[in-house]
């Protein structure tokens, strides 16, 4: 009987801890779902800058290398 009482108490403590964790996870999920227009605008600017600064020069270098290789092989574009 004493073991059953201890087990019930431990289960109640665990239930409280799990409930607290569920509340924290729900709060975090709600924070992530709320995206305002400012955040969307900032993400768009970051994407544009990444494209201009990183992707653009990489494409130019790759095309330049391909043109040099093609000129060595005698092919015209």
PDB file of N, CA and C in Angstrom:
ATOM      1  N   UNK A   1       0.821  -1.192   0.000  1.00  0.00           N
ATOM      2  CA  UNK A   1       0.000   0.000   0.000  1.00  0.00           C
ATOM      3  C   UNK A   1       0.865   1.256   0.000  1.00  0.00           C
ATOM      4  N   UNK A   2       1.935   1.209   0.767  1.00  0.00           N
ATOM      5  CA  UNK A   2       2.840   2.349   0.846  1.00  0.00           C
ATOM      6  C   UNK A   2       3.522   2.598  -0.499  1.00  0.00           C
ATOM      7  N   UNK A   3       3.871   1.522  -1.194  1.00  0.00           N
ATOM      8  CA  UNK A   3       4.501   1.655  -2.510  1.00  0.00           C
ATOM      9  C   UNK A   3       3.529   2.261  -3.512  1.00  0.00           C
ATOM     10  N   UNK A   4       2.264   1.876  -3.429  1.00  0.00           N
ATOM     11  CA  UNK A   4       1.256   2.434  -4.335  1.00  0.00           C
ATOM     12  C   UNK A   4       1.101   3.938  -4.117  1.00  0.00           C
ATOM     13  N   UNK A   5       1.105   4.361  -2.874  1.00  0.00           N
ATOM     14  CA  UNK A   5       0.974   5.781  -2.558  1.00  0.00           C
ATOM     15  C   UNK A   5       2.158   6.568  -3.098  1.00  0.00           C
ATOM     16  N   UNK A   6       3.372   6.026  -2.911  1.00  0.00           N
ATOM     17  CA  UNK A   6       4.571   6.693  -3.428  1.00  0.00           C
ATOM     18  C   UNK A   6       4.526   6.774  -4.947  1.00  0.00           C
ATOM     19  N   UNK A   7       4.075   5.687  -5.572  1.00  0.00           N
ATOM     20  CA  UNK A   7       4.013   5.646  -7.040  1.00  0.00           C
ATOM     21  C   UNK A   7       3.010   6.683  -7.547  1.00  0.00           C
ATOM     22  N   UNK A   8       1.873   6.802  -6.866  1.00  0.00           N
ATOM     23  CA  UNK A   8       0.862   7.777  -7.276  1.00  0.00           C
ATOM     24  C   UNK A   8       1.409   9.193  -7.126  1.00  0.00           C
ATOM     25  N   UNK A   9       2.111   9.460  -6.050  1.00  0.00           N
ATOM     26  CA  UNK A   9       2.696  10.786  -5.848  1.00  0.00           C
ATOM     27  C   UNK A   9       3.736  11.099  -6.919  1.00  0.00           C
ATOM     28  N   UNK A  10       4.565  10.124  -7.239  1.00  0.00           N
ATOM     29  CA  UNK A  10       5.575  10.340  -8.272  1.00  0.00           C
ATOM     30  C   UNK A  10       4.919  10.581  -9.628  1.00  0.00           C
ATOM     31  N   UNK A  11       3.855   9.856  -9.919  1.00  0.00           N
ATOM     32  CA  UNK A  11       3.145  10.055 -11.177  1.00  0.00           C
ATOM     33  C   UNK A  11       2.504  11.446 -11.237  1.00  0.00           C
ATOM     34  N   UNK A  12       1.992  11.927 -10.117  1.00  0.00           N
ATOM     35  CA  UNK A  12       1.416  13.267 -10.089  1.00  0.00           C
ATOM     36  C   UNK A  12       2.483  14.328 -10.340  1.00  0.00           C
ATOM     37  N   UNK A  13       3.668  14.143  -9.751  1.00  0.00           N
ATOM     38  CA  UNK A  13       4.767  15.091  -9.972  1.00  0.00           C
ATOM     39  C   UNK A  13       5.180  15.065 -11.440  1.00  0.00           C
ATOM     40  N   UNK A  14       5.289  13.866 -12.003  1.00  0.00           N
ATOM     41  CA  UNK A  14       5.647  13.755 -13.424  1.00  0.00           C
ATOM     42  C   UNK A  14       4.595  14.399 -14.308  1.00  0.00           C
ATOM     43  N   UNK A  15       3.327  14.219 -13.960  1.00  0.00           N
ATOM     44  CA  UNK A  15       2.248  14.805 -14.749  1.00  0.00           C
ATOM     45  C   UNK A  15       2.342  16.332 -14.725  1.00  0.00           C
ATOM     46  N   UNK A  16       2.679  16.907 -13.567  1.00  0.00           N
ATOM     47  CA  UNK A  16       2.836  18.355 -13.480  1.00  0.00           C
ATOM     48  C   UNK A  16       4.006  18.838 -14.338  1.00  0.00           C
ATOM     49  N   UNK A  17       5.117  18.093 -14.302  1.00  0.00           N
ATOM     50  CA  UNK A  17       6.286  18.491 -15.097  1.00  0.00           C
ATOM     51  C   UNK A  17       5.985  18.405 -16.584  1.00  0.00           C
ATOM     52  N   UNK A  18       5.311  17.335 -16.989  1.00  0.00           N
ATOM     53  CA  UNK A  18       4.971  17.173 -18.406  1.00  0.00           C
ATOM     54  C   UNK A  18       3.999  18.269 -18.836  1.00  0.00           C
ATOM     55  N   UNK A  19       3.055  18.606 -17.973  1.00  0.00           N
ATOM     56  CA  UNK A  19       2.121  19.681 -18.287  1.00  0.00           C
ATOM     57  C   UNK A  19       2.840  21.000 -18.473  1.00  0.00           C
ATOM     58  N   UNK A  20       3.823  21.252 -17.614  1.00  0.00           N
ATOM     59  CA  UNK A  20       4.613  22.481 -17.733  1.00  0.00           C
ATOM     60  C   UNK A  20       5.393  22.495 -19.045  1.00  0.00           C
ATOM     61  N   UNK A  21       5.978  21.366 -19.406  1.00  0.00           N
ATOM     62  CA  UNK A  21       6.717  21.282 -20.670  1.00  0.00           C
ATOM     63  C   UNK A  21       5.789  21.472 -21.868  1.00  0.00           C
ATOM     64  N   UNK A  22       4.598  20.912 -21.792  1.00  0.00           N
ATOM     65  CA  UNK A  22       3.636  21.092 -22.888  1.00  0.00           C
ATOM     66  C   UNK A  22       3.270  22.560 -23.051  1.00  0.00           C
ATOM     67  N   UNK A  23       3.106  23.256 -21.924  1.00  0.00           N
ATOM     68  CA  UNK A  23       2.798  24.688 -21.992  1.00  0.00           C
ATOM     69  C   UNK A  23       3.941  25.466 -22.647  1.00  0.00           C
ATOM     70  N   UNK A  24       5.177  25.135 -22.272  1.00  0.00           N
ATOM     71  CA  UNK A  24       6.331  25.820 -22.867  1.00  0.00           C
ATOM     72  C   UNK A  24       6.418  25.558 -24.369  1.00  0.00           C
ATOM     73  N   UNK A  25       6.194  24.314 -24.768  1.00  0.00           N
ATOM     74  CA  UNK A  25       6.241  23.980 -26.199  1.00  0.00           C
ATOM     75  C   UNK A  25       5.126  24.684 -26.967  1.00  0.00           C
ATOM     76  N   UNK A  26       3.965  24.793 -26.370  1.00  0.00           N
ATOM     77  CA  UNK A  26       2.858  25.496 -27.021  1.00  0.00           C
ATOM     78  C   UNK A  26       3.191  26.974 -27.197  1.00  0.00           C
ATOM     79  N   UNK A  27       3.793  27.587 -26.171  1.00  0.00           N
ATOM     80  CA  UNK A  27       4.197  28.992 -26.283  1.00  0.00           C
ATOM     81  C   UNK A  27       5.221  29.180 -27.400  1.00  0.00           C
ATOM     82  N   UNK A  28       6.191  28.283 -27.472  1.00  0.00           N
ATOM     83  CA  UNK A  28       7.217  28.378 -28.521  1.00  0.00           C
ATOM     84  C   UNK A  28       6.582  28.234 -29.900  1.00  0.00           C
ATOM     85  N   UNK A  29       5.649  27.303 -30.049  1.00  0.00           N
ATOM     86  CA  UNK A  29       4.989  27.107 -31.341  1.00  0.00           C
ATOM     87  C   UNK A  29       4.196  28.348 -31.726  1.00  0.00           C
ATOM     88  N   UNK A  30       3.543  28.971 -30.770  1.00  0.00           N
ATOM     89  CA  UNK A  30       2.779  30.186 -31.058  1.00  0.00           C
ATOM     90  C   UNK A  30       3.695  31.327 -31.478  1.00  0.00           C
ATOM     91  N   UNK A  31       4.856  31.431 -30.872  1.00  0.00           N
ATOM     92  CA  UNK A  31       5.797  32.488 -31.242  1.00  0.00           C
ATOM     93  C   UNK A  31       6.299  32.287 -32.663  1.00  0.00           C
ATOM     94  N   UNK A  32       6.542  31.044 -33.054  1.00  0.00           N
ATOM     95  CA  UNK A  32       7.063  30.781 -34.394  1.00  0.00           C
ATOM     96  C   UNK A  32       6.002  31.011 -35.461  1.00  0.00           C
ATOM     97  N   UNK A  33       4.737  30.781 -35.151  1.00  0.00           N
ATOM     98  CA  UNK A  33       3.678  30.917 -36.140  1.00  0.00           C
ATOM     99  C   UNK A  33       3.359  32.379 -36.447  1.00  0.00           C
ATOM    100  N   UNK A  34       3.595  33.270 -35.501  1.00  0.00           N
ATOM    101  CA  UNK A  34       3.269  34.677 -35.696  1.00  0.00           C
ATOM    102  C   UNK A  34       4.388  35.370 -36.456  1.00  0.00           C
ATOM    103  N   UNK A  35       4.171  35.553 -37.747  1.00  0.00           N
ATOM    104  CA  UNK A  35       5.141  36.246 -38.583  1.00  0.00           C
ATOM    105  C   UNK A  35       4.447  37.470 -39.154  1.00  0.00           C
ATOM    106  N   UNK A  36       5.001  38.615 -38.827  1.00  0.00           N
ATOM    107  CA  UNK A  36       4.392  39.862 -39.282  1.00  0.00           C
ATOM    108  C   UNK A  36       4.978  40.327 -40.603  1.00  0.00           C
ATOM    109  N   UNK A  37       4.449  41.421 -41.128  1.00  0.00           N
ATOM    110  CA  UNK A  37       4.931  41.947 -42.404  1.00  0.00           C
ATOM    111  C   UNK A  37       6.377  42.432 -42.339  1.00  0.00           C
ATOM    112  N   UNK A  38       6.797  42.925 -41.174  1.00  0.00           N
ATOM    113  CA  UNK A  38       8.178  43.401 -41.050  1.00  0.00           C
ATOM    114  C   UNK A  38       9.140  42.230 -41.180  1.00  0.00           C
ATOM    115  N   UNK A  39       8.822  41.118 -40.522  1.00  0.00           N
ATOM    116  CA  UNK A  39       9.686  39.933 -40.590  1.00  0.00           C
ATOM    117  C   UNK A  39       9.738  39.394 -42.028  1.00  0.00           C
ATOM    118  N   UNK A  40       8.601  39.390 -42.711  1.00  0.00           N
ATOM    119  CA  UNK A  40       8.566  38.939 -44.105  1.00  0.00           C
ATOM    120  C   UNK A  40       9.423  39.840 -44.986  1.00  0.00           C
ATOM    121  N   UNK A  41       9.325  41.153 -44.771  1.00  0.00           N
ATOM    122  CA  UNK A  41      10.118  42.110 -45.546  1.00  0.00           C
ATOM    123  C   UNK A  41      11.608  41.905 -45.294  1.00  0.00           C
ATOM    124  N   UNK A  42      11.999  41.714 -44.044  1.00  0.00           N
ATOM    125  CA  UNK A  42      13.415  41.496 -43.714  1.00  0.00           C
ATOM    126  C   UNK A  42      13.922  40.211 -44.355  1.00  0.00           C
ATOM    127  N   UNK A  43      13.110  39.146 -44.319  1.00  0.00           N
ATOM    128  CA  UNK A  43      13.507  37.886 -44.962  1.00  0.00           C
ATOM    129  C   UNK A  43      13.686  38.066 -46.465  1.00  0.00           C
ATOM    130  N   UNK A  44      12.813  38.849 -47.087  1.00  0.00           N
ATOM    131  CA  UNK A  44      12.927  39.092 -48.522  1.00  0.00           C
ATOM    132  C   UNK A  44      14.204  39.865 -48.845  1.00  0.00           C
ATOM    133  N   UNK A  45      14.534  40.863 -48.045  1.00  0.00           N
ATOM    134  CA  UNK A  45      15.758  41.642 -48.259  1.00  0.00           C
ATOM    135  C   UNK A  45      16.986  40.760 -48.089  1.00  0.00           C
ATOM    136  N   UNK A  46      16.987  39.920 -47.065  1.00  0.00           N
ATOM    137  CA  UNK A  46      18.121  39.020 -46.833  1.00  0.00           C
ATOM    138  C   UNK A  46      18.281  38.074 -48.016  1.00  0.00           C
ATOM    139  N   UNK A  47      17.177  37.543 -48.529  1.00  0.00           N
ATOM    140  CA  UNK A  47      17.231  36.652 -49.693  1.00  0.00           C
ATOM    141  C   UNK A  47      17.798  37.375 -50.912  1.00  0.00           C
ATOM    142  N   UNK A  48      17.343  38.591 -51.131  1.00  0.00           N
ATOM    143  CA  UNK A  48      17.823  39.370 -52.274  1.00  0.00           C
ATOM    144  C   UNK A  48      19.308  39.653 -52.157  1.00  0.00           C
ATOM    145  N   UNK A  49      19.750  40.055 -50.977  1.00  0.00           N
ATOM    146  CA  UNK A  49      21.172  40.340 -50.781  1.00  0.00           C
ATOM    147  C   UNK A  49      22.011  39.082 -50.943  1.00  0.00           C
ATOM    148  N   UNK A  50      21.514  37.950 -50.449  1.00  0.00           N
ATOM    149  CA  UNK A  50      22.236  36.695 -50.622  1.00  0.00           C
ATOM    150  C   UNK A  50      22.374  36.370 -52.104  1.00  0.00           C
ATOM    151  N   UNK A  51      21.305  36.567 -52.855  1.00  0.00           N
ATOM    152  CA  UNK A  51      21.352  36.307 -54.293  1.00  0.00           C
ATOM    153  C   UNK A  51      22.330  37.217 -55.008  1.00  0.00           C
ATOM    154  N   UNK A  52      22.338  38.492 -54.629  1.00  0.00           N
ATOM    155  CA  UNK A  52      23.227  39.448 -55.293  1.00  0.00           C
ATOM    156  C   UNK A  52      24.686  39.255 -54.910  1.00  0.00           C
ATOM    157  N   UNK A  53      24.938  38.983 -53.643  1.00  0.00           N
ATOM    158  CA  UNK A  53      26.318  38.939 -53.155  1.00  0.00           C
ATOM    159  C   UNK A  53      26.958  37.569 -53.339  1.00  0.00           C
ATOM    160  N   UNK A  54      26.201  36.502 -53.187  1.00  0.00           N
ATOM    161  CA  UNK A  54      26.789  35.159 -53.239  1.00  0.00           C
ATOM    162  C   UNK A  54      26.488  34.462 -54.561  1.00  0.00           C
ATOM    163  N   UNK A  55      25.223  34.343 -54.898  1.00  0.00           N
ATOM    164  CA  UNK A  55      24.829  33.546 -56.068  1.00  0.00           C
ATOM    165  C   UNK A  55      25.254  34.223 -57.370  1.00  0.00           C
ATOM    166  N   UNK A  56      25.060  35.530 -57.468  1.00  0.00           N
ATOM    167  CA  UNK A  56      25.397  36.245 -58.698  1.00  0.00           C
ATOM    168  C   UNK A  56      26.852  36.077 -59.111  1.00  0.00           C
ATOM    169  N   UNK A  57      27.802  36.399 -58.236  1.00  0.00           N
ATOM    170  CA  UNK A  57      29.207  36.234 -58.599  1.00  0.00           C
ATOM    171  C   UNK A  57      29.599  34.783 -58.902  1.00  0.00           C
ATOM    172  N   UNK A  58      28.987  33.840 -58.199  1.00  0.00           N
ATOM    173  CA  UNK A  58      29.294  32.429 -58.469  1.00  0.00           C
ATOM    174  C   UNK A  58      28.851  32.068 -59.879  1.00  0.00           C
ATOM    175  N   UNK A  59      27.673  32.525 -60.287  1.00  0.00           N
ATOM    176  CA  UNK A  59      27.185  32.243 -61.643  1.00  0.00           C
ATOM    177  C   UNK A  59      28.110  32.894 -62.670  1.00  0.00           C
ATOM    178  N   UNK A  60      28.544  34.121 -62.412  1.00  0.00           N
ATOM    179  CA  UNK A  60      29.441  34.814 -63.345  1.00  0.00           C
ATOM    180  C   UNK A  60      30.762  34.061 -63.474  1.00  0.00           C
ATOM    181  N   UNK A  61      31.309  33.595 -62.367  1.00  0.00           N
ATOM    182  CA  UNK A  61      32.578  32.858 -62.406  1.00  0.00           C
ATOM    183  C   UNK A  61      32.410  31.551 -63.175  1.00  0.00           C
ATOM    184  N   UNK A  62      31.323  30.840 -62.918  1.00  0.00           N
ATOM    185  CA  UNK A  62      31.104  29.559 -63.611  1.00  0.00           C
ATOM    186  C   UNK A  62      30.948  29.783 -65.110  1.00  0.00           C
ATOM    187  N   UNK A  63      30.156  30.769 -65.506  1.00  0.00           N
ATOM    188  CA  UNK A  63      29.985  31.054 -66.939  1.00  0.00           C
ATOM    189  C   UNK A  63      31.301  31.498 -67.550  1.00  0.00           C
ATOM    190  N   UNK A  64      32.074  32.318 -66.834  1.00  0.00           N
ATOM    191  CA  UNK A  64      33.384  32.750 -67.339  1.00  0.00           C
ATOM    192  C   UNK A  64      34.323  31.575 -67.545  1.00  0.00           C
ATOM    193  N   UNK A  65      34.360  30.668 -66.602  1.00  0.00           N
ATOM    194  CA  UNK A  65      35.223  29.488 -66.736  1.00  0.00           C
ATOM    195  C   UNK A  65      34.776  28.641 -67.916  1.00  0.00           C
ATOM    196  N   UNK A  66      33.471  28.464 -68.058  1.00  0.00           N
ATOM    197  CA  UNK A  66      32.979  27.684 -69.200  1.00  0.00           C
ATOM    198  C   UNK A  66      33.346  28.345 -70.529  1.00  0.00           C
ATOM    199  N   UNK A  67      33.304  29.671 -70.606  1.00  0.00           N
ATOM    200  CA  UNK A  67      33.659  30.362 -71.844  1.00  0.00           C
ATOM    201  C   UNK A  67      35.157  30.237 -72.136  1.00  0.00           C
ATOM    202  N   UNK A  68      35.984  30.301 -71.090  1.00  0.00           N
ATOM    203  CA  UNK A  68      37.434  30.134 -71.293  1.00  0.00           C
ATOM    204  C   UNK A  68      37.729  28.725 -71.782  1.00  0.00           C
ATOM    205  N   UNK A  69      37.095  27.739 -71.167  1.00  0.00           N
ATOM    206  CA  UNK A  69      37.310  26.344 -71.594  1.00  0.00           C
ATOM    207  C   UNK A  69      36.836  26.161 -73.031  1.00  0.00           C
ATOM    208  N   UNK A  70      35.688  26.768 -73.359  1.00  0.00           N
ATOM    209  CA  UNK A  70      35.176  26.657 -74.728  1.00  0.00           C
ATOM    210  C   UNK A  70      36.117  27.343 -75.713  1.00  0.00           C
ATOM    211  N   UNK A  71      36.725  28.464 -75.323  1.00  0.00           N
ATOM    212  CA  UNK A  71      37.651  29.141 -76.236  1.00  0.00           C
ATOM    213  C   UNK A  71      38.917  28.304 -76.442  1.00  0.00           C
ATOM    214  N   UNK A  72      39.339  27.585 -75.408  1.00  0.00           N
ATOM    215  CA  UNK A  72      40.490  26.703 -75.573  1.00  0.00           C
ATOM    216  C   UNK A  72      40.163  25.556 -76.518  1.00  0.00           C
ATOM    217  N   UNK A  73      38.908  25.123 -76.481  1.00  0.00           N
ATOM    218  CA  UNK A  73      38.514  24.020 -77.356  1.00  0.00           C
ATOM    219  C   UNK A  73      38.145  24.516 -78.754  1.00  0.00           C
ATOM    220  N   UNK A  74      38.056  25.821 -78.950  1.00  0.00           N
ATOM    221  CA  UNK A  74      37.768  26.380 -80.270  1.00  0.00           C
ATOM    222  C   UNK A  74      36.290  26.464 -80.572  1.00  0.00           C
ATOM    223  N   UNK A  75      35.438  26.394 -79.591  1.00  0.00           N
ATOM    224  CA  UNK A  75      34.004  26.479 -79.800  1.00  0.00           C
ATOM    225  C   UNK A  75      33.554  27.914 -79.560  1.00  0.00           C
ATOM    226  N   UNK A  76      32.586  28.375 -80.380  1.00  0.00           N
ATOM    227  CA  UNK A  76      32.046  29.726 -80.191  1.00  0.00           C
ATOM    228  C   UNK A  76      30.677  29.649 -79.552  1.00  0.00           C
ATOM    229  N   UNK A  77      30.387  30.673 -78.748  1.00  0.00           N
ATOM    230  CA  UNK A  77      29.053  30.771 -78.135  1.00  0.00           C
ATOM    231  C   UNK A  77      28.270  31.805 -78.854  1.00  0.00           C
TER     232      UNK A  77
END
